């Protein structure tokens, strides 16, 4: 059997190259036992197509790779 290599492609322009883009944020909120605010730190990772700039979440990329696996899996 020959090897098959299939890439996750941008659904907008069919490019296969992406770059990782990070967003950093803090979410401040109060708690009922104190007047002080507490915060949660968030780091978002998205993958941006290098051709058309469309972004995909990590979950969307993973789901795309699962779909490729299913397509080539023998029953």
C-alpha atoms as a PDB file:
ATOM      1  CA  UNK A   1       0.000   0.000   0.000  1.00  0.00           C
ATOM      2  CA  UNK A   2       1.255   3.492  -0.836  1.00  0.00           C
ATOM      3  CA  UNK A   3       1.569   6.155   1.819  1.00  0.00           C
ATOM      4  CA  UNK A   4      -1.092   8.837   1.821  1.00  0.00           C
ATOM      5  CA  UNK A   5      -0.455  12.247   3.309  1.00  0.00           C
ATOM      6  CA  UNK A   6      -3.399  14.582   3.483  1.00  0.00           C
ATOM      7  CA  UNK A   7      -3.353  18.035   5.054  1.00  0.00           C
ATOM      8  CA  UNK A   8      -5.897  20.059   6.967  1.00  0.00           C
ATOM      9  CA  UNK A   9      -6.784  22.806   4.504  1.00  0.00           C
ATOM     10  CA  UNK A  10      -8.295  26.227   4.965  1.00  0.00           C
ATOM     11  CA  UNK A  11     -11.941  25.903   3.928  1.00  0.00           C
ATOM     12  CA  UNK A  12     -11.818  29.403   2.435  1.00  0.00           C
ATOM     13  CA  UNK A  13      -8.781  29.212   0.113  1.00  0.00           C
ATOM     14  CA  UNK A  14      -7.503  25.593   0.466  1.00  0.00           C
ATOM     15  CA  UNK A  15      -4.114  26.727   1.781  1.00  0.00           C
ATOM     16  CA  UNK A  16      -2.322  24.248   4.041  1.00  0.00           C
ATOM     17  CA  UNK A  17      -0.018  26.658   5.908  1.00  0.00           C
ATOM     18  CA  UNK A  18      -1.020  28.266   9.189  1.00  0.00           C
ATOM     19  CA  UNK A  19       0.619  30.334  11.881  1.00  0.00           C
ATOM     20  CA  UNK A  20      -0.179  30.258  15.574  1.00  0.00           C
ATOM     21  CA  UNK A  21      -1.676  33.468  16.989  1.00  0.00           C
ATOM     22  CA  UNK A  22      -1.996  34.043  20.737  1.00  0.00           C
ATOM     23  CA  UNK A  23      -4.363  36.360  22.612  1.00  0.00           C
ATOM     24  CA  UNK A  24      -3.759  37.099  26.287  1.00  0.00           C
ATOM     25  CA  UNK A  25      -6.415  38.431  28.642  1.00  0.00           C
ATOM     26  CA  UNK A  26      -7.422  38.783  32.269  1.00  0.00           C
ATOM     27  CA  UNK A  27     -11.006  38.500  33.470  1.00  0.00           C
ATOM     28  CA  UNK A  28     -11.745  40.359  36.692  1.00  0.00           C
ATOM     29  CA  UNK A  29     -14.691  39.469  38.893  1.00  0.00           C
ATOM     30  CA  UNK A  30     -15.852  39.847  42.428  1.00  0.00           C
ATOM     31  CA  UNK A  31     -16.486  37.171  45.000  1.00  0.00           C
ATOM     32  CA  UNK A  32     -19.134  37.208  47.694  1.00  0.00           C
ATOM     33  CA  UNK A  33     -16.686  36.995  50.624  1.00  0.00           C
ATOM     34  CA  UNK A  34     -14.488  39.978  49.693  1.00  0.00           C
ATOM     35  CA  UNK A  35     -14.660  43.465  48.222  1.00  0.00           C
ATOM     36  CA  UNK A  36     -11.457  42.803  46.272  1.00  0.00           C
ATOM     37  CA  UNK A  37     -11.558  41.705  42.676  1.00  0.00           C
ATOM     38  CA  UNK A  38      -9.928  38.472  41.661  1.00  0.00           C
ATOM     39  CA  UNK A  39      -8.882  37.572  38.157  1.00  0.00           C
ATOM     40  CA  UNK A  40      -8.520  34.623  35.838  1.00  0.00           C
ATOM     41  CA  UNK A  41      -5.826  34.547  33.183  1.00  0.00           C
ATOM     42  CA  UNK A  42      -6.704  33.300  29.688  1.00  0.00           C
ATOM     43  CA  UNK A  43      -4.476  32.472  26.748  1.00  0.00           C
ATOM     44  CA  UNK A  44      -6.307  31.788  23.499  1.00  0.00           C
ATOM     45  CA  UNK A  45      -4.591  29.992  20.646  1.00  0.00           C
ATOM     46  CA  UNK A  46      -5.911  30.269  17.119  1.00  0.00           C
ATOM     47  CA  UNK A  47      -4.410  29.144  13.853  1.00  0.00           C
ATOM     48  CA  UNK A  48      -4.390  31.727  11.061  1.00  0.00           C
ATOM     49  CA  UNK A  49      -4.196  30.824   7.382  1.00  0.00           C
ATOM     50  CA  UNK A  50      -1.081  32.406   5.900  1.00  0.00           C
ATOM     51  CA  UNK A  51      -2.873  33.105   2.614  1.00  0.00           C
ATOM     52  CA  UNK A  52      -6.351  34.503   3.406  1.00  0.00           C
ATOM     53  CA  UNK A  53      -5.884  35.204   7.172  1.00  0.00           C
ATOM     54  CA  UNK A  54      -8.960  33.168   8.216  1.00  0.00           C
ATOM     55  CA  UNK A  55      -8.613  31.812  11.747  1.00  0.00           C
ATOM     56  CA  UNK A  56      -9.412  28.391  13.161  1.00  0.00           C
ATOM     57  CA  UNK A  57      -9.611  27.258  16.763  1.00  0.00           C
ATOM     58  CA  UNK A  58      -7.595  24.286  17.951  1.00  0.00           C
ATOM     59  CA  UNK A  59     -10.867  22.351  18.205  1.00  0.00           C
ATOM     60  CA  UNK A  60     -11.741  23.095  14.559  1.00  0.00           C
ATOM     61  CA  UNK A  61      -8.329  21.852  13.405  1.00  0.00           C
ATOM     62  CA  UNK A  62      -8.662  18.685  15.510  1.00  0.00           C
ATOM     63  CA  UNK A  63     -12.138  18.023  14.109  1.00  0.00           C
ATOM     64  CA  UNK A  64     -10.788  18.491  10.580  1.00  0.00           C
ATOM     65  CA  UNK A  65      -8.020  15.956  11.208  1.00  0.00           C
ATOM     66  CA  UNK A  66     -10.546  13.480  12.641  1.00  0.00           C
ATOM     67  CA  UNK A  67     -12.653  13.860   9.485  1.00  0.00           C
ATOM     68  CA  UNK A  68      -9.583  13.067   7.350  1.00  0.00           C
ATOM     69  CA  UNK A  69      -8.903   9.943   9.455  1.00  0.00           C
ATOM     70  CA  UNK A  70     -12.497   8.775   9.063  1.00  0.00           C
ATOM     71  CA  UNK A  71     -12.331   9.255   5.310  1.00  0.00           C
ATOM     72  CA  UNK A  72      -9.349   6.908   5.003  1.00  0.00           C
ATOM     73  CA  UNK A  73     -10.339   4.382   7.671  1.00  0.00           C
ATOM     74  CA  UNK A  74     -11.401   0.997   6.388  1.00  0.00           C
ATOM     75  CA  UNK A  75     -14.605  -0.493   7.732  1.00  0.00           C
END
